[in-house]
Amino acid sequence: MQYTQTFIQVGILAVVAFIGIGFTFALPTPRHHIKAKSVIYARWFLFSSWLVVAFQAVVQSGYEYIGLPGIYAAATVSGYMLLMSVNKRYGHEVAAVKKYAATAHVVLLFIATLALLLSQSQAWFAHALAISSTAFPVWLAQKRVGRYLSDETIGGRLLFSVLWFVMLMLLVVVPLYLGNVDPKSTYHLTATFALILVVMLTFMLAFAVNILQSILVKLHSLVHTDPLTGAKNRYFFYETAPKLSAHARRNNEVLSVVACDIDYFKSINDQHGHVVGDIALKRFCEIIQKQLRLEDTLIRMGGEEFLILSPGCDGDQAKQMAERLRATISETKITARDVSISLTASFGVIEMPDNADLLSAVKHADQALFDAKANGRNQVIVV
């Protein structure tokens, strides 16, 4: 009966691990070559976690000197696979010397625990060594996730919570259990099975949510980003930009709008072709982006027409910024396919009036831009 129960528990966990490993193949693969390796280590984490229960079954079968060191080593390997999966998930490469150190740690742990068992030392010492060895890589993984927690979505926070749960199990629940249960208890396998099952399921959930959430965030960013220039696009303007103006009104902050347009851009396309025109557009945006603050937003409204939303910037400051941009653009030569192009741009500037809406402010900035182009181009006009 006992062997049947052992076989069933080990088999159930093997099925869970197999399903989890299969599920990782169904997850989208990140394009980043380091992040793409995260799922590989996630699979090894599931497999090594299953080995913990398999070795516990070996102990239950009477082979304590093989099973216990195997449990300790497999649990530590599982911790390191978790750490590697998290590191790769965040695009962090691990030095080869650290990988060798982790391997040496597992091997030395196996030898040390085997020696302790053979010498009939106190079992608590071997348990403490194993628990601390497993907790160490989990703690490192938790630190890695914690570094990005302020920028994280629900996926990262869920992963951080799972790591906290694992640390709680390792440092509190497991020691309490081992300190109050007979070392030869037949319930060890069931307890190990339950613990590993919960860890596996919560890790798979957190890992999947983390990947899917990051993909959704990236897709949302792509929807709002102009693929040619990297500036924000009209979708961003109509969906997100009004929130900036609402925030400014609520907090009594100034918000300036700058409309800009490349002068005679159509002639560039007509003379040199659209490929050269696209390169000129990209270079134009690069010049502007380098001059803007982090809080400023460049939006491509269409063609060669752009908006700059500048929170915390009054009309005079916005005018100075526009003049600086105008001068930099006019002084920069753009080379594309052996063609040297000189660009100029016209600007219309407005500080958004109190209680005004963003669309009306943009309309006035566009009118100022129109006046700048009508009055000779390559100039800044402030409403």
Protein backbone atom coordinates (compact mmCIF):
# COMPACT_ATOMS: atom_id res chain seq x y z
CA MET A 1 0.00 0.00 0.00
CA GLN A 2 2.80 2.39 0.95
CA TYR A 3 4.64 1.71 -2.31
CA THR A 4 1.44 2.31 -4.27
CA GLN A 5 0.93 5.68 -2.58
CA THR A 6 4.57 6.58 -3.23
CA PHE A 7 4.26 5.67 -6.90
CA ILE A 8 1.03 7.67 -7.26
CA GLN A 9 2.47 10.83 -5.66
CA VAL A 10 5.70 10.73 -7.65
CA GLY A 11 3.68 10.00 -10.80
CA ILE A 12 1.23 12.85 -10.22
CA LEU A 13 4.05 15.32 -9.73
CA ALA A 14 5.80 14.00 -12.84
CA VAL A 15 2.61 14.67 -14.82
CA VAL A 16 2.38 18.21 -13.37
CA ALA A 17 6.03 18.86 -14.24
CA PHE A 18 5.51 17.45 -17.74
CA ILE A 19 2.44 19.65 -18.27
CA GLY A 20 4.34 22.68 -16.98
CA ILE A 21 7.28 21.98 -19.28
CA GLY A 22 4.92 21.50 -22.21
CA PHE A 23 3.18 24.75 -21.32
CA THR A 24 6.47 26.67 -21.57
CA PHE A 25 6.73 25.60 -25.22
CA ALA A 26 3.34 27.22 -25.85
CA LEU A 27 4.41 30.57 -24.36
CA PRO A 28 5.56 33.30 -26.78
CA THR A 29 9.34 33.40 -27.14
CA PRO A 30 10.91 36.82 -26.44
CA ARG A 31 13.05 38.22 -29.25
CA HIS A 32 15.79 39.17 -26.82
CA HIS A 33 18.31 36.32 -27.02
CA ILE A 34 18.99 36.31 -23.26
CA LYS A 35 15.33 36.56 -22.23
CA ALA A 36 14.48 33.73 -24.63
CA LYS A 37 16.60 31.36 -22.48
CA SER A 38 14.45 31.98 -19.43
CA VAL A 39 12.00 29.21 -20.34
CA ILE A 40 14.86 26.70 -20.65
CA TYR A 41 15.80 27.20 -17.01
CA ALA A 42 12.12 27.23 -16.02
CA ARG A 43 11.85 23.72 -17.49
CA TRP A 44 14.90 22.59 -15.54
CA PHE A 45 13.39 24.13 -12.41
CA LEU A 46 10.26 22.01 -12.82
CA PHE A 47 12.30 18.88 -13.48
CA SER A 48 14.66 19.39 -10.52
CA SER A 49 11.68 20.15 -8.28
CA TRP A 50 10.18 16.82 -9.27
CA LEU A 51 13.51 15.16 -8.41
CA VAL A 52 13.09 16.36 -4.81
CA VAL A 53 9.96 14.20 -4.48
CA ALA A 54 11.59 11.34 -6.40
CA PHE A 55 14.50 11.28 -3.94
CA GLN A 56 12.06 11.49 -1.03
CA ALA A 57 10.48 8.33 -2.42
CA VAL A 58 13.96 6.75 -2.42
CA VAL A 59 14.23 7.63 1.28
CA GLN A 60 10.80 6.10 1.93
CA SER A 61 12.04 2.94 0.24
CA GLY A 62 14.82 2.63 2.85
CA TYR A 63 17.78 4.08 0.93
CA GLU A 64 18.37 7.02 3.21
CA TYR A 65 22.05 7.55 2.41
CA ILE A 66 21.22 8.05 -1.27
CA GLY A 67 17.85 9.74 -0.94
CA LEU A 68 18.59 12.48 1.60
CA PRO A 69 21.69 13.91 -0.14
CA GLY A 70 19.71 13.64 -3.36
CA ILE A 71 16.85 15.68 -1.86
CA TYR A 72 19.25 18.36 -0.66
CA ALA A 73 21.12 18.54 -3.95
CA ALA A 74 17.95 18.54 -6.08
CA ALA A 75 16.37 21.28 -3.95
CA THR A 76 19.48 23.45 -4.30
CA VAL A 77 19.63 22.82 -8.06
CA SER A 78 15.97 23.81 -8.21
CA GLY A 79 16.81 27.06 -6.41
CA TYR A 80 19.60 27.83 -8.87
CA MET A 81 17.39 27.01 -11.86
CA LEU A 82 14.82 29.42 -10.45
CA LEU A 83 17.53 32.06 -10.09
CA MET A 84 18.77 31.52 -13.64
CA SER A 85 15.25 31.69 -15.02
CA VAL A 86 14.64 35.01 -13.26
CA ASN A 87 18.01 36.43 -14.35
CA LYS A 88 17.36 35.52 -17.97
CA ARG A 89 13.81 36.83 -17.73
CA TYR A 90 15.19 40.27 -16.96
CA GLY A 91 17.89 40.06 -19.64
CA HIS A 92 20.73 39.60 -17.15
CA GLU A 93 23.64 37.45 -18.30
CA VAL A 94 25.38 35.34 -15.65
CA ALA A 95 29.17 35.08 -15.67
CA ALA A 96 30.64 31.62 -16.26
CA VAL A 97 32.51 31.73 -12.94
CA LYS A 98 29.18 32.08 -11.09
CA LYS A 99 27.80 29.06 -12.90
CA TYR A 100 30.87 27.04 -11.91
CA ALA A 101 30.49 28.26 -8.32
CA ALA A 102 26.84 27.13 -8.27
CA THR A 103 27.82 23.69 -9.61
CA ALA A 104 30.55 23.39 -6.98
CA HIS A 105 28.04 24.41 -4.31
CA VAL A 106 25.66 21.59 -5.26
CA VAL A 107 28.43 18.99 -5.44
CA LEU A 108 29.93 20.01 -2.10
CA LEU A 109 26.49 20.04 -0.51
CA PHE A 110 25.86 16.47 -1.67
CA ILE A 111 29.24 15.31 -0.34
CA ALA A 112 28.87 17.18 2.97
CA THR A 113 25.38 15.89 3.72
CA LEU A 114 26.39 12.35 2.78
CA ALA A 115 29.38 12.62 5.12
CA LEU A 116 27.18 13.94 7.92
CA LEU A 117 24.76 11.05 7.51
CA LEU A 118 27.50 8.44 7.40
CA SER A 119 29.12 9.88 10.52
CA GLN A 120 25.78 9.69 12.36
CA SER A 121 25.89 13.44 13.08
CA GLN A 122 22.86 15.38 14.21
CA ALA A 123 20.25 15.40 11.43
CA TRP A 124 19.33 19.03 12.15
CA PHE A 125 22.76 20.16 10.95
CA ALA A 126 22.31 18.50 7.57
CA HIS A 127 18.79 19.96 7.30
CA ALA A 128 20.04 23.47 8.16
CA LEU A 129 22.80 23.19 5.59
CA ALA A 130 20.34 22.07 2.91
CA ILE A 131 17.73 24.72 3.73
CA SER A 132 20.26 27.56 3.70
CA SER A 133 21.75 26.25 0.46
CA THR A 134 18.34 26.22 -1.22
CA ALA A 135 17.28 29.57 0.22
CA PHE A 136 20.42 31.35 -1.02
CA PRO A 137 19.64 31.27 -4.79
CA VAL A 138 15.94 31.97 -4.09
CA TRP A 139 16.99 35.04 -2.11
CA LEU A 140 19.19 36.18 -5.02
CA ALA A 141 16.25 35.71 -7.40
CA GLN A 142 14.04 37.76 -5.10
CA LYS A 143 16.62 40.55 -5.06
CA ARG A 144 16.77 40.52 -8.86
CA VAL A 145 12.98 40.90 -9.18
CA GLY A 146 12.95 43.52 -6.42
CA ARG A 147 15.31 45.77 -8.40
CA TYR A 148 12.67 46.16 -11.11
CA LEU A 149 9.61 46.08 -8.85
CA SER A 150 8.92 49.84 -9.05
CA ASP A 151 8.54 49.52 -12.84
CA GLU A 152 6.77 46.18 -12.79
CA THR A 153 3.25 45.23 -13.78
CA ILE A 154 1.13 42.58 -12.06
CA GLY A 155 3.23 39.79 -13.61
CA GLY A 156 6.44 40.89 -11.93
CA ARG A 157 4.72 41.55 -8.62
CA LEU A 158 3.15 38.11 -8.70
CA LEU A 159 6.56 36.54 -9.34
CA PHE A 160 8.00 38.54 -6.43
CA SER A 161 5.17 37.27 -4.20
CA VAL A 162 5.86 33.68 -5.24
CA LEU A 163 9.51 34.08 -4.29
CA TRP A 164 8.46 35.47 -0.91
CA PHE A 165 6.20 32.45 -0.47
CA VAL A 166 9.06 30.06 -1.28
CA MET A 167 11.36 31.86 1.18
CA LEU A 168 8.65 31.63 3.86
CA MET A 169 8.28 27.91 3.24
CA LEU A 170 12.03 27.31 3.36
CA LEU A 171 12.90 29.44 6.38
CA VAL A 172 9.79 28.99 8.54
CA VAL A 173 7.43 26.18 7.55
CA VAL A 174 10.01 23.51 6.64
CA PRO A 175 12.12 23.98 9.84
CA LEU A 176 8.97 23.91 11.99
CA TYR A 177 7.79 20.75 10.26
CA LEU A 178 11.15 18.98 10.58
CA GLY A 179 11.43 20.03 14.22
CA ASN A 180 8.07 18.58 15.20
CA VAL A 181 7.71 15.44 13.09
CA ASP A 182 9.44 12.10 13.62
CA PRO A 183 12.40 11.82 11.19
CA LYS A 184 11.17 8.37 10.16
CA SER A 185 7.58 9.51 9.64
CA THR A 186 5.76 8.09 6.66
CA TYR A 187 4.20 11.52 6.08
CA HIS A 188 7.45 13.05 4.81
CA LEU A 189 6.71 12.09 1.21
CA THR A 190 3.18 13.50 1.37
CA ALA A 191 4.43 16.75 2.91
CA THR A 192 7.18 17.06 0.31
CA PHE A 193 4.72 16.25 -2.45
CA ALA A 194 2.28 18.94 -1.24
CA LEU A 195 5.01 21.59 -0.88
CA ILE A 196 6.57 20.96 -4.29
CA LEU A 197 3.16 20.80 -5.97
CA VAL A 198 2.20 24.21 -4.57
CA VAL A 199 5.58 25.70 -5.53
CA MET A 200 5.35 24.28 -9.06
CA LEU A 201 1.81 25.55 -9.66
CA THR A 202 2.44 29.03 -8.25
CA PHE A 203 5.70 29.36 -10.19
CA MET A 204 4.06 28.30 -13.46
CA LEU A 205 1.26 30.80 -12.89
CA ALA A 206 3.62 33.66 -12.01
CA PHE A 207 6.03 32.85 -14.83
CA ALA A 208 3.27 32.70 -17.44
CA VAL A 209 1.58 35.88 -16.21
CA ASN A 210 4.94 37.68 -16.16
CA ILE A 211 5.70 36.78 -19.77
CA LEU A 212 2.19 37.44 -21.08
CA GLN A 213 1.94 40.72 -19.18
CA SER A 214 5.25 41.97 -20.58
CA ILE A 215 4.11 41.05 -24.09
CA LEU A 216 0.85 42.95 -23.59
CA VAL A 217 2.78 45.98 -22.36
CA LYS A 218 5.07 45.76 -25.38
CA LEU A 219 2.13 45.43 -27.76
CA HIS A 220 0.48 48.41 -26.13
CA SER A 221 3.69 50.36 -26.61
CA LEU A 222 3.90 49.31 -30.26
CA VAL A 223 0.33 50.43 -30.86
CA HIS A 224 1.29 53.89 -29.58
CA THR A 225 4.65 54.09 -31.39
CA ASP A 226 5.34 55.21 -34.94
CA PRO A 227 7.37 52.34 -36.46
CA LEU A 228 9.47 54.59 -38.72
CA THR A 229 10.60 57.33 -36.36
CA GLY A 230 10.09 55.82 -32.89
CA ALA A 231 7.99 58.85 -31.89
CA LYS A 232 4.52 58.42 -30.42
CA ASN A 233 1.68 58.34 -32.94
CA ARG A 234 -1.88 59.65 -33.35
CA TYR A 235 -3.30 56.72 -31.34
CA PHE A 236 -1.19 57.84 -28.40
CA PHE A 237 -2.34 61.42 -28.88
CA TYR A 238 -6.04 60.63 -28.79
CA GLU A 239 -5.83 57.99 -26.05
CA THR A 240 -3.09 59.12 -23.68
CA ALA A 241 -2.26 62.75 -24.35
CA PRO A 242 -5.58 64.10 -22.94
CA LYS A 243 -4.64 62.47 -19.63
CA LEU A 244 -1.51 64.65 -19.53
CA SER A 245 -3.56 67.83 -19.89
CA ALA A 246 -6.08 66.63 -17.29
CA HIS A 247 -3.23 65.89 -14.89
CA ALA A 248 -1.77 69.34 -15.49
CA ARG A 249 -5.12 71.02 -14.77
CA ARG A 250 -5.70 69.01 -11.59
CA ASN A 251 -2.27 69.90 -10.24
CA ASN A 252 -2.26 73.51 -11.48
CA GLU A 253 0.79 72.79 -13.64
CA VAL A 254 1.65 74.48 -16.90
CA LEU A 255 1.65 72.49 -20.13
CA SER A 256 2.98 73.78 -23.43
CA VAL A 257 2.24 72.45 -26.89
CA VAL A 258 4.69 72.83 -29.76
CA ALA A 259 3.61 72.05 -33.32
CA CYS A 260 6.41 71.58 -35.85
CA ASP A 261 6.67 70.77 -39.53
CA ILE A 262 9.64 70.07 -41.80
CA ASP A 263 9.88 72.79 -44.43
CA TYR A 264 9.58 71.75 -48.09
CA PHE A 265 9.59 68.06 -47.19
CA LYS A 266 7.61 67.15 -50.30
CA SER A 267 10.47 68.36 -52.47
CA ILE A 268 12.83 65.89 -50.73
CA ASN A 269 10.55 62.98 -51.64
CA ASP A 270 10.14 64.31 -55.19
CA GLN A 271 13.87 64.83 -55.80
CA HIS A 272 15.43 61.94 -53.92
CA GLY A 273 12.64 59.39 -53.40
CA HIS A 274 10.68 58.21 -50.39
CA VAL A 275 13.50 56.06 -49.00
CA VAL A 276 15.70 59.12 -48.58
CA GLY A 277 12.68 60.98 -47.24
CA ASP A 278 12.13 58.29 -44.61
CA ILE A 279 15.78 58.48 -43.55
CA ALA A 280 15.45 62.24 -43.26
CA LEU A 281 12.36 61.83 -41.09
CA LYS A 282 14.14 59.40 -38.77
CA ARG A 283 17.15 61.67 -38.45
CA PHE A 284 14.89 64.66 -37.82
CA CYS A 285 13.23 62.82 -34.93
CA GLU A 286 16.58 61.72 -33.51
CA ILE A 287 17.74 65.35 -33.44
CA ILE A 288 14.60 66.43 -31.61
CA GLN A 289 14.57 63.53 -29.15
CA LYS A 290 18.14 64.30 -28.06
CA GLN A 291 17.13 67.87 -27.21
CA LEU A 292 13.98 67.01 -25.26
CA ARG A 293 13.63 66.30 -21.55
CA LEU A 294 12.51 62.91 -20.30
CA GLU A 295 9.06 64.28 -19.49
CA ASP A 296 8.57 65.76 -22.98
CA THR A 297 6.73 63.69 -25.59
CA LEU A 298 7.28 63.82 -29.34
CA ILE A 299 4.24 62.76 -31.39
CA ARG A 300 4.15 62.18 -35.13
CA MET A 301 0.70 63.29 -36.23
CA GLY A 302 1.25 62.27 -39.84
CA GLY A 303 3.70 62.81 -42.67
CA GLU A 304 6.24 65.45 -41.59
CA GLU A 305 3.94 66.99 -38.96
CA PHE A 306 4.81 66.62 -35.27
CA LEU A 307 3.65 67.73 -31.84
CA ILE A 308 5.70 68.14 -28.69
CA LEU A 309 3.88 68.02 -25.35
CA SER A 310 5.98 69.65 -22.66
CA PRO A 311 4.54 69.45 -19.10
CA GLY A 312 5.93 71.82 -16.50
CA CYS A 313 7.15 74.13 -19.24
CA ASP A 314 5.66 77.61 -19.69
CA GLY A 315 5.37 79.52 -22.93
CA ASP A 316 8.74 81.29 -22.66
CA GLN A 317 10.55 78.03 -21.87
CA ALA A 318 8.75 76.27 -24.73
CA LYS A 319 9.76 79.07 -27.10
CA GLN A 320 13.40 78.73 -26.04
CA MET A 321 13.20 74.98 -26.59
CA ALA A 322 11.65 75.45 -30.04
CA GLU A 323 14.32 78.01 -31.00
CA ARG A 324 17.02 75.60 -29.88
CA LEU A 325 15.48 72.80 -31.93
CA ARG A 326 15.08 75.05 -34.97
CA ALA A 327 18.72 76.15 -34.81
CA THR A 328 20.05 72.60 -34.32
CA ILE A 329 17.99 71.23 -37.22
CA SER A 330 19.06 74.00 -39.59
CA GLU A 331 22.74 73.49 -38.68
CA THR A 332 22.69 69.69 -39.17
CA LYS A 333 23.48 68.04 -42.48
CA ILE A 334 21.69 64.75 -43.07
CA THR A 335 23.38 62.19 -45.29
CA ALA A 336 21.24 59.46 -46.83
CA ARG A 337 22.35 57.22 -49.70
CA ASP A 338 25.17 59.57 -50.70
CA VAL A 339 22.75 62.50 -50.70
CA SER A 340 23.42 65.43 -48.37
CA ILE A 341 20.26 67.19 -47.22
CA SER A 342 19.78 70.40 -45.27
CA LEU A 343 16.54 70.61 -43.33
CA THR A 344 14.72 73.47 -41.71
CA ALA A 345 11.55 73.38 -39.64
CA SER A 346 8.84 75.78 -38.56
CA PHE A 347 7.31 75.85 -35.09
CA GLY A 348 4.12 77.05 -33.43
CA VAL A 349 4.11 77.34 -29.63
CA ILE A 350 1.35 77.79 -27.07
CA GLU A 351 1.15 77.51 -23.31
CA MET A 352 -2.16 75.79 -22.67
CA PRO A 353 -4.50 78.31 -21.02
CA ASP A 354 -6.25 77.50 -17.75
CA ASN A 355 -9.41 75.43 -18.18
CA ALA A 356 -8.63 74.92 -21.88
CA ASP A 357 -8.73 71.49 -23.45
CA LEU A 358 -5.80 69.97 -25.26
CA LEU A 359 -7.47 69.85 -28.67
CA SER A 360 -8.12 73.60 -28.68
CA ALA A 361 -4.52 74.23 -27.59
CA VAL A 362 -3.27 72.06 -30.47
CA LYS A 363 -5.52 73.95 -32.86
CA HIS A 364 -3.95 77.27 -31.79
CA ALA A 365 -0.42 75.79 -32.01
CA ASP A 366 -1.23 74.58 -35.54
CA GLN A 367 -2.39 78.07 -36.48
CA ALA A 368 0.87 79.53 -35.16
CA LEU A 369 2.76 76.94 -37.20
CA PHE A 370 0.77 77.91 -40.29
CA ASP A 371 1.68 81.56 -39.69
CA ALA A 372 5.36 80.64 -39.32
CA LYS A 373 5.34 78.83 -42.67
CA ALA A 374 3.39 81.66 -44.34
CA ASN A 375 5.91 84.23 -43.05
CA GLY A 376 8.97 82.56 -44.58
CA ARG A 377 9.42 79.26 -42.66
CA ASN A 378 12.36 78.25 -40.45
CA GLN A 379 11.03 80.29 -37.55
CA VAL A 380 9.13 80.04 -34.26
CA ILE A 381 5.85 81.82 -33.58
CA VAL A 382 4.28 81.89 -30.12
CA VAL A 383 0.56 82.34 -29.57
